[in-house]
């Protein structure tokens, strides 16, 4: 279902490895299961491939909300193989469940880890530059520039503590935006 998974507009098949719990078929599942097919050289792979109507996702309305269940280990697949399609499944599904109400949006490189925390009446945005992390080793990270951040809520100030500067803010309907000019290793932005 490309309306539920817009990030997968160029993807037709996702790799699945490991356990899969078969669900009863539904009218029009958003994802469907393709049983294992022949393994071998490229000219033989998928010759016997057959799609099914077995759901690869169950979304159920409960009260005012929804619950989604993936009968296969998408997070584990992403952890093991880091395939963008597995990340897209999770990201699109979360966006669907949140109905477009993310707390945080950014253009930061994927190796910038962000944590948004509440502390009384303010928010703390921690940014960690993981570009220097390589398995068990740590090197100097590659500096990141012009990280744009949009946070849900209306704030009056944004202070980058490590840089020792106040960041200019832009306000839109229900959000506050700012840019972090440079991120070396770590930054903490205090939003009040």
C-alpha atoms as a PDB file:
ATOM      1  CA  UNK A   1       0.000   0.000   0.000  1.00  0.00           C
ATOM      2  CA  UNK A   2       1.991   2.952  -1.269  1.00  0.00           C
ATOM      3  CA  UNK A   3      -0.267   5.460   0.495  1.00  0.00           C
ATOM      4  CA  UNK A   4       0.739   3.968   3.863  1.00  0.00           C
ATOM      5  CA  UNK A   5       4.374   3.561   2.805  1.00  0.00           C
ATOM      6  CA  UNK A   6       5.272   6.609   0.675  1.00  0.00           C
ATOM      7  CA  UNK A   7       8.997   6.135   1.366  1.00  0.00           C
ATOM      8  CA  UNK A   8       8.850   2.816  -0.494  1.00  0.00           C
ATOM      9  CA  UNK A   9       7.613   4.250  -3.800  1.00  0.00           C
ATOM     10  CA  UNK A  10      10.525   2.619  -5.656  1.00  0.00           C
ATOM     11  CA  UNK A  11      10.482  -0.620  -3.630  1.00  0.00           C
ATOM     12  CA  UNK A  12       8.344  -3.663  -4.423  1.00  0.00           C
ATOM     13  CA  UNK A  13       9.944  -6.399  -2.299  1.00  0.00           C
ATOM     14  CA  UNK A  14      11.498  -6.297   1.174  1.00  0.00           C
ATOM     15  CA  UNK A  15      13.919  -8.891   2.484  1.00  0.00           C
ATOM     16  CA  UNK A  16      12.609 -11.028   5.322  1.00  0.00           C
ATOM     17  CA  UNK A  17      14.764 -13.392   7.335  1.00  0.00           C
ATOM     18  CA  UNK A  18      13.726 -15.257  10.445  1.00  0.00           C
ATOM     19  CA  UNK A  19      10.335 -15.931  11.962  1.00  0.00           C
ATOM     20  CA  UNK A  20       7.083 -14.803  10.389  1.00  0.00           C
ATOM     21  CA  UNK A  21       3.713 -15.303  12.081  1.00  0.00           C
ATOM     22  CA  UNK A  22       0.989 -16.068   9.576  1.00  0.00           C
ATOM     23  CA  UNK A  23      -2.119 -13.924  10.019  1.00  0.00           C
ATOM     24  CA  UNK A  24      -5.524 -14.497   8.531  1.00  0.00           C
ATOM     25  CA  UNK A  25      -5.904 -12.807   5.166  1.00  0.00           C
ATOM     26  CA  UNK A  26      -7.609  -9.449   5.154  1.00  0.00           C
ATOM     27  CA  UNK A  27      -9.409  -7.607   2.351  1.00  0.00           C
ATOM     28  CA  UNK A  28      -6.458  -5.499   1.225  1.00  0.00           C
ATOM     29  CA  UNK A  29      -3.347  -5.865   3.386  1.00  0.00           C
ATOM     30  CA  UNK A  30      -0.825  -3.014   3.308  1.00  0.00           C
ATOM     31  CA  UNK A  31       2.058  -5.517   3.049  1.00  0.00           C
ATOM     32  CA  UNK A  32       1.836  -9.115   1.888  1.00  0.00           C
ATOM     33  CA  UNK A  33       3.996 -12.144   2.517  1.00  0.00           C
ATOM     34  CA  UNK A  34       5.992 -13.778  -0.277  1.00  0.00           C
ATOM     35  CA  UNK A  35       7.082 -17.292   0.761  1.00  0.00           C
ATOM     36  CA  UNK A  36      10.716 -18.306   0.322  1.00  0.00           C
ATOM     37  CA  UNK A  37      11.649 -18.919  -3.276  1.00  0.00           C
ATOM     38  CA  UNK A  38      14.542 -20.584  -5.040  1.00  0.00           C
ATOM     39  CA  UNK A  39      18.030 -19.590  -3.981  1.00  0.00           C
ATOM     40  CA  UNK A  40      20.804 -19.544  -6.491  1.00  0.00           C
ATOM     41  CA  UNK A  41      22.380 -17.496  -9.254  1.00  0.00           C
ATOM     42  CA  UNK A  42      20.569 -14.292 -10.286  1.00  0.00           C
ATOM     43  CA  UNK A  43      19.024 -15.847 -13.385  1.00  0.00           C
ATOM     44  CA  UNK A  44      17.241 -18.475 -11.232  1.00  0.00           C
ATOM     45  CA  UNK A  45      16.223 -16.414  -8.204  1.00  0.00           C
ATOM     46  CA  UNK A  46      12.505 -15.560  -8.019  1.00  0.00           C
ATOM     47  CA  UNK A  47      11.508 -17.821 -10.926  1.00  0.00           C
ATOM     48  CA  UNK A  48       9.089 -19.555  -8.551  1.00  0.00           C
ATOM     49  CA  UNK A  49       8.127 -16.414  -6.574  1.00  0.00           C
ATOM     50  CA  UNK A  50       4.436 -16.121  -5.744  1.00  0.00           C
ATOM     51  CA  UNK A  51       2.801 -13.330  -3.785  1.00  0.00           C
ATOM     52  CA  UNK A  52       0.101 -14.214  -1.244  1.00  0.00           C
ATOM     53  CA  UNK A  53      -2.668 -12.288   0.485  1.00  0.00           C
ATOM     54  CA  UNK A  54      -1.157 -13.099   3.916  1.00  0.00           C
ATOM     55  CA  UNK A  55      -0.706  -9.782   5.761  1.00  0.00           C
ATOM     56  CA  UNK A  56       2.760  -8.572   6.694  1.00  0.00           C
ATOM     57  CA  UNK A  57       1.150  -5.924   8.917  1.00  0.00           C
ATOM     58  CA  UNK A  58      -1.954  -5.713  11.091  1.00  0.00           C
ATOM     59  CA  UNK A  59      -3.401  -2.299  12.000  1.00  0.00           C
ATOM     60  CA  UNK A  60      -6.352  -2.342  14.387  1.00  0.00           C
ATOM     61  CA  UNK A  61      -8.431   0.556  15.704  1.00  0.00           C
ATOM     62  CA  UNK A  62      -8.872   0.496  19.479  1.00  0.00           C
ATOM     63  CA  UNK A  63     -10.911   3.312  20.988  1.00  0.00           C
ATOM     64  CA  UNK A  64      -9.563   6.607  19.637  1.00  0.00           C
ATOM     65  CA  UNK A  65      -6.240   5.132  18.556  1.00  0.00           C
ATOM     66  CA  UNK A  66      -4.634   2.436  16.471  1.00  0.00           C
ATOM     67  CA  UNK A  67      -2.304  -0.446  17.179  1.00  0.00           C
ATOM     68  CA  UNK A  68       0.077  -1.771  14.544  1.00  0.00           C
ATOM     69  CA  UNK A  69       1.708  -5.185  14.664  1.00  0.00           C
ATOM     70  CA  UNK A  70       4.348  -6.460  12.275  1.00  0.00           C
ATOM     71  CA  UNK A  71       4.448 -10.279  12.350  1.00  0.00           C
ATOM     72  CA  UNK A  72       8.150 -10.272  11.459  1.00  0.00           C
ATOM     73  CA  UNK A  73      11.216  -8.689  13.049  1.00  0.00           C
ATOM     74  CA  UNK A  74      11.667  -5.473  11.062  1.00  0.00           C
ATOM     75  CA  UNK A  75      13.746  -3.708  13.777  1.00  0.00           C
ATOM     76  CA  UNK A  76      16.018  -6.755  14.049  1.00  0.00           C
ATOM     77  CA  UNK A  77      16.412  -6.854  10.278  1.00  0.00           C
ATOM     78  CA  UNK A  78      17.389  -3.186  10.257  1.00  0.00           C
ATOM     79  CA  UNK A  79      19.835  -3.728  13.118  1.00  0.00           C
ATOM     80  CA  UNK A  80      21.518  -6.608  11.280  1.00  0.00           C
ATOM     81  CA  UNK A  81      21.545  -5.290   7.700  1.00  0.00           C
ATOM     82  CA  UNK A  82      20.832  -1.513   7.880  1.00  0.00           C
ATOM     83  CA  UNK A  83      18.693  -1.628   4.742  1.00  0.00           C
ATOM     84  CA  UNK A  84      16.952   1.706   4.082  1.00  0.00           C
ATOM     85  CA  UNK A  85      13.714  -0.097   3.148  1.00  0.00           C
ATOM     86  CA  UNK A  86      13.387  -1.590   6.642  1.00  0.00           C
ATOM     87  CA  UNK A  87      13.914   1.854   8.197  1.00  0.00           C
ATOM     88  CA  UNK A  88      11.307   3.266   5.788  1.00  0.00           C
ATOM     89  CA  UNK A  89       8.712   0.693   6.883  1.00  0.00           C
ATOM     90  CA  UNK A  90       9.145   1.711  10.505  1.00  0.00           C
ATOM     91  CA  UNK A  91       9.309   5.451   9.784  1.00  0.00           C
ATOM     92  CA  UNK A  92       6.209   5.440   7.562  1.00  0.00           C
ATOM     93  CA  UNK A  93       4.265   3.275  10.000  1.00  0.00           C
ATOM     94  CA  UNK A  94       5.139   5.585  12.911  1.00  0.00           C
ATOM     95  CA  UNK A  95       4.127   8.634  10.837  1.00  0.00           C
ATOM     96  CA  UNK A  96       0.828   6.915  10.022  1.00  0.00           C
ATOM     97  CA  UNK A  97       0.132   6.154  13.688  1.00  0.00           C
ATOM     98  CA  UNK A  98       1.112   9.668  14.802  1.00  0.00           C
ATOM     99  CA  UNK A  99      -1.056  11.164  12.027  1.00  0.00           C
ATOM    100  CA  UNK A 100       1.677  13.639  11.076  1.00  0.00           C
ATOM    101  CA  UNK A 101       2.250  14.879  14.644  1.00  0.00           C
ATOM    102  CA  UNK A 102       5.946  14.171  15.087  1.00  0.00           C
ATOM    103  CA  UNK A 103       7.670  15.925  17.984  1.00  0.00           C
ATOM    104  CA  UNK A 104      10.847  16.470  16.003  1.00  0.00           C
ATOM    105  CA  UNK A 105      11.881  16.822  12.366  1.00  0.00           C
ATOM    106  CA  UNK A 106      15.391  17.486  11.104  1.00  0.00           C
ATOM    107  CA  UNK A 107      17.672  17.441   8.097  1.00  0.00           C
ATOM    108  CA  UNK A 108      20.526  16.064  10.215  1.00  0.00           C
ATOM    109  CA  UNK A 109      22.705  13.272   8.907  1.00  0.00           C
ATOM    110  CA  UNK A 110      21.541   9.821  10.137  1.00  0.00           C
ATOM    111  CA  UNK A 111      24.672   9.592  12.298  1.00  0.00           C
ATOM    112  CA  UNK A 112      23.474  12.499  14.439  1.00  0.00           C
ATOM    113  CA  UNK A 113      21.564  11.013  17.356  1.00  0.00           C
ATOM    114  CA  UNK A 114      18.931  13.286  18.896  1.00  0.00           C
ATOM    115  CA  UNK A 115      16.998  12.954  22.141  1.00  0.00           C
ATOM    116  CA  UNK A 116      14.266  15.419  23.079  1.00  0.00           C
ATOM    117  CA  UNK A 117      13.533  15.442  26.799  1.00  0.00           C
ATOM    118  CA  UNK A 118      11.152  17.355  29.021  1.00  0.00           C
ATOM    119  CA  UNK A 119      12.500  19.047  32.137  1.00  0.00           C
ATOM    120  CA  UNK A 120       9.751  20.951  33.964  1.00  0.00           C
ATOM    121  CA  UNK A 121       8.608  23.741  31.595  1.00  0.00           C
ATOM    122  CA  UNK A 122      11.477  23.460  29.159  1.00  0.00           C
ATOM    123  CA  UNK A 123      12.745  20.946  26.597  1.00  0.00           C
ATOM    124  CA  UNK A 124      16.312  19.684  26.261  1.00  0.00           C
ATOM    125  CA  UNK A 125      17.500  18.583  22.836  1.00  0.00           C
ATOM    126  CA  UNK A 126      20.662  16.480  23.018  1.00  0.00           C
ATOM    127  CA  UNK A 127      22.616  16.027  19.765  1.00  0.00           C
ATOM    128  CA  UNK A 128      25.440  13.481  19.561  1.00  0.00           C
ATOM    129  CA  UNK A 129      27.642  13.239  16.480  1.00  0.00           C
ATOM    130  CA  UNK A 130      28.243   9.506  16.004  1.00  0.00           C
ATOM    131  CA  UNK A 131      30.221   9.839  12.763  1.00  0.00           C
ATOM    132  CA  UNK A 132      33.440   8.973  14.630  1.00  0.00           C
ATOM    133  CA  UNK A 133      32.068   5.745  16.079  1.00  0.00           C
ATOM    134  CA  UNK A 134      33.210   2.565  14.337  1.00  0.00           C
ATOM    135  CA  UNK A 135      32.320  -0.690  16.118  1.00  0.00           C
ATOM    136  CA  UNK A 136      34.570  -0.711  19.198  1.00  0.00           C
ATOM    137  CA  UNK A 137      36.689   2.294  18.203  1.00  0.00           C
ATOM    138  CA  UNK A 138      36.031   6.009  18.448  1.00  0.00           C
ATOM    139  CA  UNK A 139      37.691   8.649  16.277  1.00  0.00           C
ATOM    140  CA  UNK A 140      37.213  12.372  15.948  1.00  0.00           C
ATOM    141  CA  UNK A 141      33.760  12.880  14.430  1.00  0.00           C
ATOM    142  CA  UNK A 142      33.226  14.611  11.109  1.00  0.00           C
ATOM    143  CA  UNK A 143      31.795  18.077  11.859  1.00  0.00           C
ATOM    144  CA  UNK A 144      28.168  18.496  10.799  1.00  0.00           C
ATOM    145  CA  UNK A 145      26.953  21.877   9.546  1.00  0.00           C
ATOM    146  CA  UNK A 146      23.625  23.722   9.331  1.00  0.00           C
ATOM    147  CA  UNK A 147      21.428  21.210  11.122  1.00  0.00           C
ATOM    148  CA  UNK A 148      17.840  22.362  10.781  1.00  0.00           C
ATOM    149  CA  UNK A 149      15.471  21.313  13.587  1.00  0.00           C
ATOM    150  CA  UNK A 150      11.697  21.691  13.877  1.00  0.00           C
ATOM    151  CA  UNK A 151      10.186  20.933  17.297  1.00  0.00           C
ATOM    152  CA  UNK A 152       6.500  20.655  18.173  1.00  0.00           C
ATOM    153  CA  UNK A 153       5.444  23.474  20.481  1.00  0.00           C
ATOM    154  CA  UNK A 154       5.987  27.192  20.814  1.00  0.00           C
ATOM    155  CA  UNK A 155       9.223  28.305  22.450  1.00  0.00           C
ATOM    156  CA  UNK A 156      10.658  31.774  23.068  1.00  0.00           C
ATOM    157  CA  UNK A 157      14.370  30.930  23.289  1.00  0.00           C
ATOM    158  CA  UNK A 158      16.783  28.247  22.108  1.00  0.00           C
ATOM    159  CA  UNK A 159      20.213  28.246  23.731  1.00  0.00           C
ATOM    160  CA  UNK A 160      23.029  26.045  22.426  1.00  0.00           C
ATOM    161  CA  UNK A 161      25.004  25.477  25.637  1.00  0.00           C
ATOM    162  CA  UNK A 162      28.263  24.046  24.238  1.00  0.00           C
ATOM    163  CA  UNK A 163      28.448  26.725  21.547  1.00  0.00           C
ATOM    164  CA  UNK A 164      27.447  29.374  24.106  1.00  0.00           C
ATOM    165  CA  UNK A 165      24.943  31.082  21.807  1.00  0.00           C
ATOM    166  CA  UNK A 166      21.268  31.831  21.459  1.00  0.00           C
ATOM    167  CA  UNK A 167      19.793  30.472  18.234  1.00  0.00           C
ATOM    168  CA  UNK A 168      17.333  32.529  16.140  1.00  0.00           C
ATOM    169  CA  UNK A 169      13.847  31.009  16.095  1.00  0.00           C
ATOM    170  CA  UNK A 170      11.136  30.744  13.461  1.00  0.00           C
ATOM    171  CA  UNK A 171       7.549  29.950  14.389  1.00  0.00           C
ATOM    172  CA  UNK A 172       4.945  28.145  12.338  1.00  0.00           C
ATOM    173  CA  UNK A 173       1.602  26.657  13.289  1.00  0.00           C
ATOM    174  CA  UNK A 174       2.371  24.597  16.391  1.00  0.00           C
ATOM    175  CA  UNK A 175       6.130  24.331  15.766  1.00  0.00           C
ATOM    176  CA  UNK A 176       9.368  26.148  16.500  1.00  0.00           C
ATOM    177  CA  UNK A 177      12.341  25.894  14.106  1.00  0.00           C
ATOM    178  CA  UNK A 178      16.012  26.770  14.431  1.00  0.00           C
ATOM    179  CA  UNK A 179      19.393  25.890  12.918  1.00  0.00           C
ATOM    180  CA  UNK A 180      22.506  24.668  14.648  1.00  0.00           C
ATOM    181  CA  UNK A 181      25.421  26.131  12.671  1.00  0.00           C
ATOM    182  CA  UNK A 182      27.936  23.429  13.644  1.00  0.00           C
ATOM    183  CA  UNK A 183      28.015  20.170  15.596  1.00  0.00           C
ATOM    184  CA  UNK A 184      31.394  18.786  16.571  1.00  0.00           C
ATOM    185  CA  UNK A 185      30.894  16.012  19.150  1.00  0.00           C
ATOM    186  CA  UNK A 186      27.918  17.020  21.270  1.00  0.00           C
ATOM    187  CA  UNK A 187      25.458  19.877  21.730  1.00  0.00           C
ATOM    188  CA  UNK A 188      22.635  20.570  24.139  1.00  0.00           C
ATOM    189  CA  UNK A 189      19.900  22.995  23.089  1.00  0.00           C
ATOM    190  CA  UNK A 190      17.644  24.311  25.858  1.00  0.00           C
ATOM    191  CA  UNK A 191      14.195  25.346  24.626  1.00  0.00           C
ATOM    192  CA  UNK A 192      12.105  27.604  26.868  1.00  0.00           C
END
